[in-house]
Amino acid sequence: MNINLELYKIFYVVTKHLNITNASKELMISQPAISKSIKTLEEQLGGTLFVRTKRGVILTEEGKEFYNNIKEAMNYI
């Protein structure tokens, strides 16, 4: 498995904001780049991490589990 830490960082920041626009501002990358990164991560993990809504995103059960697995590591990094 090819692990890309940048994808994890993007996931972490999107989860923190639950909003791609706000995550885009913090990360200083475009919204389409964030969406593509999340899609790539979902494909690598074989599941859906977020449900997209008009107001932002909501974590799926898989997303919550993944977040719980990486949040402490991301805080250290």
N, C-alpha and C. Protein backbone atom coordinates (compact mmCIF):
# COMPACT_ATOMS: atom_id res chain seq x y z
N MET A 1 0.85 -1.18 0.00
CA MET A 1 0.00 0.00 0.00
C MET A 1 0.89 1.24 0.00
N ASN A 2 0.64 2.14 -0.90
CA ASN A 2 1.39 3.38 -1.00
C ASN A 2 0.73 4.43 -0.10
N ILE A 3 1.40 4.78 0.99
CA ILE A 3 0.84 5.72 1.95
C ILE A 3 1.31 7.13 1.62
N ASN A 4 0.34 8.04 1.46
CA ASN A 4 0.64 9.43 1.18
C ASN A 4 0.17 10.26 2.37
N LEU A 5 1.10 10.74 3.16
CA LEU A 5 0.77 11.49 4.36
C LEU A 5 -0.05 12.74 4.05
N GLU A 6 0.16 13.33 2.88
CA GLU A 6 -0.59 14.53 2.50
C GLU A 6 -2.09 14.23 2.42
N LEU A 7 -2.46 13.05 1.94
CA LEU A 7 -3.88 12.67 1.88
C LEU A 7 -4.46 12.58 3.29
N TYR A 8 -3.69 12.04 4.21
CA TYR A 8 -4.15 11.95 5.60
C TYR A 8 -4.32 13.33 6.21
N LYS A 9 -3.39 14.22 5.91
CA LYS A 9 -3.47 15.59 6.42
C LYS A 9 -4.72 16.28 5.89
N ILE A 10 -4.99 16.12 4.61
CA ILE A 10 -6.18 16.73 4.01
C ILE A 10 -7.43 16.18 4.67
N PHE A 11 -7.50 14.85 4.83
CA PHE A 11 -8.64 14.24 5.50
C PHE A 11 -8.81 14.81 6.90
N TYR A 12 -7.72 14.91 7.63
CA TYR A 12 -7.74 15.41 9.01
C TYR A 12 -8.29 16.83 9.08
N VAL A 13 -7.83 17.71 8.20
CA VAL A 13 -8.27 19.11 8.21
C VAL A 13 -9.73 19.22 7.77
N VAL A 14 -10.13 18.45 6.77
CA VAL A 14 -11.54 18.47 6.35
C VAL A 14 -12.41 18.00 7.51
N THR A 15 -11.98 16.97 8.21
CA THR A 15 -12.74 16.47 9.36
C THR A 15 -12.82 17.51 10.47
N LYS A 16 -11.74 18.23 10.68
CA LYS A 16 -11.72 19.28 11.71
C LYS A 16 -12.76 20.35 11.41
N HIS A 17 -12.89 20.73 10.15
CA HIS A 17 -13.82 21.79 9.76
C HIS A 17 -15.20 21.26 9.35
N LEU A 18 -15.25 20.01 8.93
CA LEU A 18 -16.45 19.42 8.32
C LEU A 18 -16.96 20.30 7.18
N ASN A 19 -16.00 20.90 6.47
CA ASN A 19 -16.33 21.81 5.38
C ASN A 19 -15.11 21.90 4.46
N ILE A 20 -15.32 21.59 3.18
CA ILE A 20 -14.21 21.59 2.23
C ILE A 20 -13.71 23.00 1.96
N THR A 21 -14.61 23.97 1.92
CA THR A 21 -14.20 25.36 1.67
C THR A 21 -13.28 25.86 2.77
N ASN A 22 -13.64 25.64 4.02
CA ASN A 22 -12.81 26.09 5.14
C ASN A 22 -11.49 25.33 5.19
N ALA A 23 -11.52 24.04 4.88
CA ALA A 23 -10.29 23.26 4.83
C ALA A 23 -9.39 23.78 3.71
N SER A 24 -9.99 24.15 2.61
CA SER A 24 -9.25 24.70 1.48
C SER A 24 -8.51 25.97 1.87
N LYS A 25 -9.17 26.81 2.62
CA LYS A 25 -8.54 28.05 3.09
C LYS A 25 -7.38 27.76 4.02
N GLU A 26 -7.57 26.83 4.95
CA GLU A 26 -6.49 26.51 5.90
C GLU A 26 -5.30 25.89 5.19
N LEU A 27 -5.57 24.99 4.26
CA LEU A 27 -4.49 24.28 3.59
C LEU A 27 -3.90 25.07 2.41
N MET A 28 -4.61 26.12 2.01
CA MET A 28 -4.21 26.95 0.87
C MET A 28 -4.08 26.13 -0.41
N ILE A 29 -5.05 25.26 -0.63
CA ILE A 29 -5.15 24.52 -1.88
C ILE A 29 -6.60 24.60 -2.35
N SER A 30 -6.82 24.35 -3.61
CA SER A 30 -8.16 24.52 -4.19
C SER A 30 -9.14 23.47 -3.67
N GLN A 31 -10.42 23.84 -3.72
CA GLN A 31 -11.47 22.90 -3.32
C GLN A 31 -11.47 21.65 -4.20
N PRO A 32 -11.33 21.81 -5.54
CA PRO A 32 -11.28 20.59 -6.37
C PRO A 32 -10.10 19.68 -6.02
N ALA A 33 -8.97 20.26 -5.64
CA ALA A 33 -7.82 19.44 -5.24
C ALA A 33 -8.12 18.66 -3.96
N ILE A 34 -8.83 19.29 -3.05
CA ILE A 34 -9.22 18.59 -1.82
C ILE A 34 -10.19 17.47 -2.14
N SER A 35 -11.18 17.75 -2.95
CA SER A 35 -12.16 16.72 -3.33
C SER A 35 -11.47 15.54 -4.00
N LYS A 36 -10.53 15.83 -4.89
CA LYS A 36 -9.81 14.76 -5.59
C LYS A 36 -8.97 13.96 -4.60
N SER A 37 -8.33 14.62 -3.65
CA SER A 37 -7.52 13.93 -2.65
C SER A 37 -8.37 13.01 -1.78
N ILE A 38 -9.54 13.50 -1.38
CA ILE A 38 -10.45 12.68 -0.56
C ILE A 38 -10.91 11.46 -1.37
N LYS A 39 -11.23 11.68 -2.63
CA LYS A 39 -11.65 10.57 -3.49
C LYS A 39 -10.53 9.54 -3.63
N THR A 40 -9.30 10.01 -3.82
CA THR A 40 -8.15 9.11 -3.93
C THR A 40 -7.98 8.31 -2.64
N LEU A 41 -8.08 8.97 -1.50
CA LEU A 41 -7.95 8.28 -0.22
C LEU A 41 -9.06 7.25 -0.05
N GLU A 42 -10.28 7.62 -0.40
CA GLU A 42 -11.40 6.68 -0.31
C GLU A 42 -11.15 5.46 -1.19
N GLU A 43 -10.62 5.67 -2.39
CA GLU A 43 -10.33 4.55 -3.29
C GLU A 43 -9.24 3.66 -2.71
N GLN A 44 -8.21 4.26 -2.11
CA GLN A 44 -7.14 3.48 -1.51
C GLN A 44 -7.62 2.66 -0.32
N LEU A 45 -8.53 3.25 0.46
CA LEU A 45 -9.03 2.57 1.65
C LEU A 45 -10.20 1.64 1.36
N GLY A 46 -10.82 1.82 0.20
CA GLY A 46 -11.93 0.97 -0.18
C GLY A 46 -13.23 1.27 0.54
N GLY A 47 -13.47 2.54 0.84
CA GLY A 47 -14.71 2.92 1.51
C GLY A 47 -14.99 4.39 1.35
N THR A 48 -16.15 4.80 1.82
CA THR A 48 -16.55 6.20 1.76
C THR A 48 -16.30 6.84 3.13
N LEU A 49 -15.59 7.96 3.14
CA LEU A 49 -15.25 8.63 4.39
C LEU A 49 -16.24 9.73 4.76
N PHE A 50 -16.81 10.38 3.75
CA PHE A 50 -17.71 11.51 3.98
C PHE A 50 -18.98 11.37 3.15
N VAL A 51 -20.04 11.96 3.67
CA VAL A 51 -21.26 12.21 2.90
C VAL A 51 -21.26 13.70 2.66
N ARG A 52 -21.35 14.09 1.40
CA ARG A 52 -21.35 15.52 1.06
C ARG A 52 -22.76 16.08 1.17
N THR A 53 -22.88 17.26 1.77
CA THR A 53 -24.16 17.95 1.89
C THR A 53 -23.98 19.38 1.39
N LYS A 54 -25.06 20.12 1.30
CA LYS A 54 -24.97 21.52 0.88
C LYS A 54 -24.22 22.37 1.91
N ARG A 55 -24.24 21.96 3.14
CA ARG A 55 -23.60 22.73 4.22
C ARG A 55 -22.19 22.26 4.56
N GLY A 56 -21.75 21.20 3.97
CA GLY A 56 -20.42 20.68 4.27
C GLY A 56 -20.36 19.18 4.09
N VAL A 57 -19.66 18.52 4.97
CA VAL A 57 -19.53 17.08 4.91
C VAL A 57 -19.82 16.47 6.29
N ILE A 58 -20.23 15.22 6.26
CA ILE A 58 -20.51 14.47 7.48
C ILE A 58 -19.70 13.18 7.39
N LEU A 59 -19.05 12.82 8.47
CA LEU A 59 -18.29 11.57 8.49
C LEU A 59 -19.21 10.37 8.44
N THR A 60 -18.84 9.39 7.64
CA THR A 60 -19.53 8.09 7.65
C THR A 60 -18.98 7.30 8.83
N GLU A 61 -19.53 6.14 9.08
CA GLU A 61 -18.99 5.28 10.14
C GLU A 61 -17.54 4.90 9.83
N GLU A 62 -17.26 4.62 8.54
CA GLU A 62 -15.87 4.31 8.16
C GLU A 62 -14.97 5.52 8.38
N GLY A 63 -15.50 6.71 8.07
CA GLY A 63 -14.75 7.94 8.27
C GLY A 63 -14.44 8.19 9.74
N LYS A 64 -15.43 7.92 10.60
CA LYS A 64 -15.21 8.10 12.04
C LYS A 64 -14.14 7.14 12.55
N GLU A 65 -14.21 5.90 12.09
CA GLU A 65 -13.22 4.91 12.52
C GLU A 65 -11.83 5.30 12.03
N PHE A 66 -11.73 5.74 10.78
CA PHE A 66 -10.44 6.14 10.23
C PHE A 66 -9.90 7.36 11.00
N TYR A 67 -10.76 8.32 11.28
CA TYR A 67 -10.35 9.51 12.02
C TYR A 67 -9.82 9.12 13.41
N ASN A 68 -10.53 8.24 14.08
CA ASN A 68 -10.08 7.81 15.41
C ASN A 68 -8.71 7.13 15.35
N ASN A 69 -8.42 6.49 14.24
CA ASN A 69 -7.13 5.82 14.09
C ASN A 69 -5.97 6.77 13.81
N ILE A 70 -6.26 7.93 13.19
CA ILE A 70 -5.15 8.81 12.80
C ILE A 70 -5.06 10.13 13.57
N LYS A 71 -6.08 10.49 14.33
CA LYS A 71 -6.07 11.83 14.95
C LYS A 71 -4.90 12.05 15.89
N GLU A 72 -4.58 11.08 16.71
CA GLU A 72 -3.46 11.26 17.65
C GLU A 72 -2.14 11.38 16.89
N ALA A 73 -1.97 10.55 15.89
CA ALA A 73 -0.74 10.62 15.08
C ALA A 73 -0.62 11.97 14.40
N MET A 74 -1.70 12.48 13.85
CA MET A 74 -1.66 13.77 13.17
C MET A 74 -1.36 14.90 14.14
N ASN A 75 -1.85 14.82 15.36
CA ASN A 75 -1.53 15.83 16.36
C ASN A 75 -0.04 15.83 16.69
N TYR A 76 0.57 14.65 16.73
CA TYR A 76 2.00 14.57 16.99
C TYR A 76 2.82 15.12 15.83
N ILE A 77 2.36 14.82 14.63
CA ILE A 77 3.09 15.27 13.43
C ILE A 77 2.93 16.75 13.29
